[in-house]
Amino acid sequence: MEIAIRGCDVRGRLCGIVDHVNARPNEKRRFIAMSHARISVNPAVMMGKPCIKGTRITVELILRKLGAGHSFADLIDSYPHLSEEDLRAALAFAADYMRHETVLAAV
């Protein structure tokens, strides 16, 4: 799902309206984005993808690595500037994002 974020604060935290860019015009949905202290969104960093604050490591990368079977210890060994709290924040961000997902029945 592609989104466009309008209204990030000066620290890059999500705090504004999020539009679903690829939604049909009559299905356009908006919601207030959640704020996570360890996650930043900055259009100038990784094309605005949610990242661990102060890094270029995206939430997506963390989820893909965990999904592929890597452990927290593996990720911390590979990226020593990450902490277990950063990894848990990425999981919490993804869970909050999914909470706002709308599922439409295929016809």
Protein backbone atom coordinates (compact mmCIF):
# COMPACT_ATOMS: atom_id res chain seq x y z
CA MET A 1 0.00 0.00 0.00
CA GLU A 2 1.51 3.33 -1.02
CA ILE A 3 0.91 6.31 1.25
CA ALA A 4 1.67 9.99 1.16
CA ILE A 5 2.35 11.69 4.45
CA ARG A 6 1.35 15.28 4.97
CA GLY A 7 2.36 16.99 8.18
CA CYS A 8 5.49 15.54 9.77
CA ASP A 9 6.89 17.56 12.63
CA VAL A 10 10.44 18.93 12.68
CA ARG A 11 11.74 15.71 14.25
CA GLY A 12 10.25 13.60 11.44
CA ARG A 13 7.57 11.98 13.58
CA LEU A 14 4.29 11.06 11.97
CA CYS A 15 1.76 13.56 13.19
CA GLY A 16 -0.46 14.51 10.30
CA ILE A 17 -2.88 13.12 7.79
CA VAL A 18 -1.91 10.06 5.76
CA ASP A 19 -3.50 9.55 2.34
CA HIS A 20 -3.62 6.20 0.58
CA VAL A 21 -2.20 7.19 -2.81
CA ASN A 22 -3.19 4.06 -4.70
CA ALA A 23 -6.81 4.00 -3.49
CA ARG A 24 -9.58 4.63 -5.98
CA PRO A 25 -10.94 8.19 -5.79
CA ASN A 26 -14.16 7.11 -4.11
CA GLU A 27 -12.24 4.86 -1.70
CA LYS A 28 -9.70 7.42 -0.51
CA ARG A 29 -9.25 6.91 3.21
CA ARG A 30 -7.51 9.11 5.74
CA PHE A 31 -6.41 8.50 9.28
CA ILE A 32 -4.26 10.20 11.85
CA ALA A 33 -0.87 8.54 11.89
CA MET A 34 0.54 7.13 15.07
CA SER A 35 3.67 8.54 16.70
CA HIS A 36 6.55 6.29 17.73
CA ALA A 37 9.55 7.77 19.54
CA ARG A 38 12.09 5.44 17.90
CA ILE A 39 10.65 5.61 14.36
CA SER A 40 11.10 8.58 12.04
CA VAL A 41 9.64 9.44 8.67
CA ASN A 42 11.49 12.00 6.61
CA PRO A 43 10.92 12.44 2.87
CA ALA A 44 14.67 13.12 2.46
CA VAL A 45 15.66 9.78 4.07
CA MET A 46 14.92 6.50 2.25
CA MET A 47 12.17 8.24 0.22
CA GLY A 48 10.06 8.77 3.34
CA LYS A 49 9.87 5.14 4.43
CA PRO A 50 9.60 4.67 8.21
CA CYS A 51 13.12 4.17 9.61
CA ILE A 52 14.74 3.64 12.97
CA LYS A 53 15.47 7.18 14.14
CA GLY A 54 18.97 8.35 13.28
CA THR A 55 19.57 5.53 10.78
CA ARG A 56 18.67 4.56 7.25
CA ILE A 57 17.40 1.17 8.42
CA THR A 58 13.75 0.85 7.41
CA VAL A 59 11.01 -0.85 9.37
CA GLU A 60 10.43 -2.92 6.24
CA LEU A 61 14.01 -4.24 6.29
CA ILE A 62 13.66 -5.29 9.92
CA LEU A 63 10.36 -7.05 9.24
CA ARG A 64 11.77 -8.85 6.21
CA LYS A 65 14.84 -10.02 8.13
CA LEU A 66 12.73 -11.26 11.04
CA GLY A 67 10.33 -12.92 8.61
CA ALA A 68 13.25 -14.70 6.97
CA GLY A 69 14.14 -16.29 10.30
CA HIS A 70 16.80 -13.94 11.64
CA SER A 71 16.73 -13.37 15.39
CA PHE A 72 17.00 -10.10 17.29
CA ALA A 73 20.59 -11.12 18.16
CA ASP A 74 21.39 -11.65 14.46
CA LEU A 75 20.12 -8.18 13.58
CA ILE A 76 21.97 -6.52 16.46
CA ASP A 77 25.18 -8.32 15.40
CA SER A 78 24.69 -7.14 11.79
CA TYR A 79 23.68 -3.60 12.79
CA PRO A 80 25.46 -2.87 16.10
CA HIS A 81 23.94 0.61 16.42
CA LEU A 82 20.47 -0.98 16.75
CA SER A 83 19.06 -1.97 20.11
CA GLU A 84 16.43 -4.49 21.08
CA GLU A 85 14.13 -1.53 21.85
CA ASP A 86 14.56 -0.31 18.25
CA LEU A 87 13.53 -3.72 16.92
CA ARG A 88 10.51 -3.86 19.22
CA ALA A 89 9.55 -0.33 18.11
CA ALA A 90 9.63 -1.48 14.47
CA LEU A 91 7.28 -4.35 15.33
CA ALA A 92 4.96 -2.03 17.28
CA PHE A 93 4.91 0.45 14.38
CA ALA A 94 4.00 -2.32 11.92
CA ALA A 95 1.25 -3.59 14.23
CA ASP A 96 -0.21 -0.08 14.58
CA TYR A 97 -0.04 0.40 10.82
CA MET A 98 -1.88 -2.89 10.23
CA ARG A 99 -4.54 -1.95 12.77
CA HIS A 100 -5.64 0.80 10.34
CA GLU A 101 -5.65 -1.46 7.28
CA THR A 102 -8.97 -1.93 5.51
CA VAL A 103 -9.68 -5.29 3.89
CA LEU A 104 -12.08 -5.29 0.94
CA ALA A 105 -13.76 -8.47 -0.29
CA ALA A 106 -12.77 -9.45 -3.82
CA VAL A 107 -15.71 -9.71 -6.19
